Amino acid sequence: MLRYVVIALIVIPALELIVIFQMGKLIGGWPTFGLMIVTGFLGAWLARREGLKVWRQAQNQLSLGQLPGDSIVDGICVFTGGILLLTPGLLTDVLGFLLVFPLSRPMFKGWIYALLRKMADRGNTYFFWRR
C-alpha cells in the first residue's frame, strides 16, 4: 500500500504540472492561474454545502434508529473531494468535483463499498453494515 502512495506522490504532481503548462499555452498563464483559484473557492463552497447535507442526512438516519452507512460513505467521498479541490491542480479538481457532486458520487461509492468488502473478506478489518 505504501508503494502506491509513494508512486502517487510522484506521478500526480508531475501530471498536474504537464496539464497546467499545457493549459497555460492554450489559454494563457493568468487565466490558468485564475481558473485554479476559482475552482479552489468554488470547490470549498460546494464541499461545505454537500458535507452539511450529508451530516444532516446522517443525523436524520440516527434519529430514526438507523445506521448511517450510506451517509458515512457519502461523507468519505465529500471529504476526499474537498481535499482534492483545495490542492492546486486541474486534474485533482476534476476528480474532486466528481466526488463532491451528488450525481457522479454513486460510481465512487460502489468502488468504496467493494474496497471495504474486500478488506473485510481478508479478515484484517471488520465492518458491520446492512444494504
Protein backbone atom coordinates (compact mmCIF):
# COMPACT_ATOMS: atom_id res chain seq x y z
CA MET A 1 0.00 0.00 0.00
CA LEU A 2 2.82 2.40 0.89
CA ARG A 3 4.34 1.71 -2.53
CA TYR A 4 1.18 3.03 -4.24
CA VAL A 5 1.16 6.15 -2.08
CA VAL A 6 4.79 6.92 -2.95
CA ILE A 7 4.12 6.37 -6.66
CA ALA A 8 1.03 8.61 -6.49
CA LEU A 9 3.01 11.35 -4.70
CA ILE A 10 5.49 11.34 -7.60
CA VAL A 11 3.21 10.80 -10.60
CA ILE A 12 0.24 13.04 -9.72
CA PRO A 13 2.24 16.29 -9.27
CA ALA A 14 4.15 15.58 -12.49
CA LEU A 15 0.88 15.09 -14.40
CA GLU A 16 -0.56 18.22 -12.79
CA LEU A 17 2.42 20.27 -13.96
CA ILE A 18 2.08 18.95 -17.50
CA VAL A 19 -1.63 19.82 -17.58
CA ILE A 20 -1.05 23.27 -16.07
CA PHE A 21 1.67 24.09 -18.61
CA GLN A 22 -0.47 22.85 -21.50
CA MET A 23 -3.45 24.85 -20.25
CA GLY A 24 -1.17 27.88 -19.88
CA LYS A 25 -0.11 27.50 -23.52
CA LEU A 26 -3.73 27.15 -24.59
CA ILE A 27 -5.42 29.98 -22.67
CA GLY A 28 -2.51 31.89 -21.11
CA GLY A 29 -0.78 31.94 -17.75
CA TRP A 30 -3.01 34.35 -15.84
CA PRO A 31 -6.29 32.77 -16.96
CA THR A 32 -4.93 29.36 -15.95
CA PHE A 33 -3.94 30.74 -12.55
CA GLY A 34 -7.36 32.37 -12.20
CA LEU A 35 -9.09 29.12 -13.14
CA MET A 36 -7.19 27.28 -10.43
CA ILE A 37 -8.12 29.93 -7.84
CA VAL A 38 -11.80 29.92 -8.87
CA THR A 39 -12.03 26.12 -8.76
CA GLY A 40 -10.46 26.17 -5.28
CA PHE A 41 -13.04 28.62 -3.91
CA LEU A 42 -15.95 27.02 -5.75
CA GLY A 43 -14.82 23.58 -4.61
CA ALA A 44 -14.53 24.67 -0.98
CA TRP A 45 -18.04 26.16 -1.08
CA LEU A 46 -19.51 23.08 -2.79
CA ALA A 47 -17.74 20.64 -0.46
CA ARG A 48 -19.01 22.56 2.58
CA ARG A 49 -22.57 22.58 1.25
CA GLU A 50 -22.56 18.87 0.38
CA GLY A 51 -20.80 17.99 3.64
CA LEU A 52 -23.50 19.73 5.67
CA LYS A 53 -26.18 17.96 3.62
CA VAL A 54 -24.56 14.57 4.30
CA TRP A 55 -24.19 15.45 8.00
CA ARG A 56 -27.90 16.29 8.29
CA GLN A 57 -28.78 13.10 6.45
CA ALA A 58 -26.69 11.04 8.88
CA GLN A 59 -28.27 12.78 11.87
CA ASN A 60 -31.73 12.12 10.46
CA GLN A 61 -30.95 8.42 10.00
CA LEU A 62 -29.57 8.18 13.53
CA SER A 63 -32.67 9.89 14.96
CA LEU A 64 -34.78 7.24 13.22
CA GLY A 65 -32.67 4.47 14.78
CA GLN A 66 -30.97 3.52 11.51
CA LEU A 67 -27.27 3.06 10.85
CA PRO A 68 -25.98 5.83 8.56
CA GLY A 69 -23.92 3.55 6.30
CA ASP A 70 -24.60 5.37 3.03
CA SER A 71 -24.15 8.73 4.70
CA ILE A 72 -20.75 7.71 6.02
CA VAL A 73 -19.59 6.65 2.56
CA ASP A 74 -21.03 9.88 1.14
CA GLY A 75 -19.07 11.75 3.79
CA ILE A 76 -15.87 9.94 2.80
CA CYS A 77 -16.47 10.95 -0.82
CA VAL A 78 -17.23 14.59 0.01
CA PHE A 79 -14.27 14.88 2.38
CA THR A 80 -11.86 13.36 -0.15
CA GLY A 81 -13.30 15.51 -2.93
CA GLY A 82 -12.96 18.63 -0.80
CA ILE A 83 -9.32 17.90 -0.11
CA LEU A 84 -8.67 17.29 -3.81
CA LEU A 85 -10.42 20.55 -4.71
CA LEU A 86 -8.24 22.53 -2.31
CA THR A 87 -4.99 21.13 -3.73
CA PRO A 88 -3.62 23.12 -6.65
CA GLY A 89 -4.04 21.46 -10.00
CA LEU A 90 -6.64 20.84 -12.64
CA LEU A 91 -6.69 17.02 -12.63
CA THR A 92 -7.29 16.85 -8.88
CA ASP A 93 -10.01 19.49 -9.30
CA VAL A 94 -11.84 17.35 -11.86
CA LEU A 95 -11.65 14.28 -9.61
CA GLY A 96 -12.65 16.38 -6.60
CA PHE A 97 -15.74 17.76 -8.36
CA LEU A 98 -16.74 14.24 -9.42
CA LEU A 99 -16.51 13.08 -5.80
CA VAL A 100 -18.45 16.05 -4.43
CA PHE A 101 -21.29 16.18 -7.00
CA PRO A 102 -24.22 14.00 -5.89
CA LEU A 103 -24.91 12.74 -9.43
CA SER A 104 -21.42 11.32 -10.01
CA ARG A 105 -20.80 10.15 -6.44
CA PRO A 106 -22.56 6.73 -6.77
CA MET A 107 -19.89 5.34 -9.12
CA PHE A 108 -17.27 6.06 -6.45
CA LYS A 109 -19.49 4.74 -3.66
CA GLY A 110 -19.68 1.36 -5.39
CA TRP A 111 -15.91 1.27 -5.58
CA ILE A 112 -15.58 2.19 -1.89
CA TYR A 113 -18.09 -0.50 -0.89
CA ALA A 114 -16.13 -3.06 -2.94
CA LEU A 115 -12.89 -1.97 -1.29
CA LEU A 116 -14.40 -2.21 2.21
CA ARG A 117 -15.88 -5.62 1.43
CA LYS A 118 -12.50 -6.83 0.14
CA MET A 119 -10.81 -5.59 3.32
CA ALA A 120 -13.41 -7.37 5.47
CA ASP A 121 -13.10 -10.61 3.46
CA ARG A 122 -9.35 -10.68 4.08
CA GLY A 123 -10.06 -10.84 7.78
CA ASN A 124 -7.83 -7.92 8.74
CA THR A 125 -10.68 -5.46 9.25
CA TYR A 126 -14.22 -5.96 10.46
CA PHE A 127 -17.19 -3.95 9.24
CA PHE A 128 -20.84 -4.30 10.06
CA TRP A 129 -23.34 -2.89 7.58
CA ARG A 130 -26.67 -3.61 6.01
CA ARG A 131 -27.74 -2.83 2.47
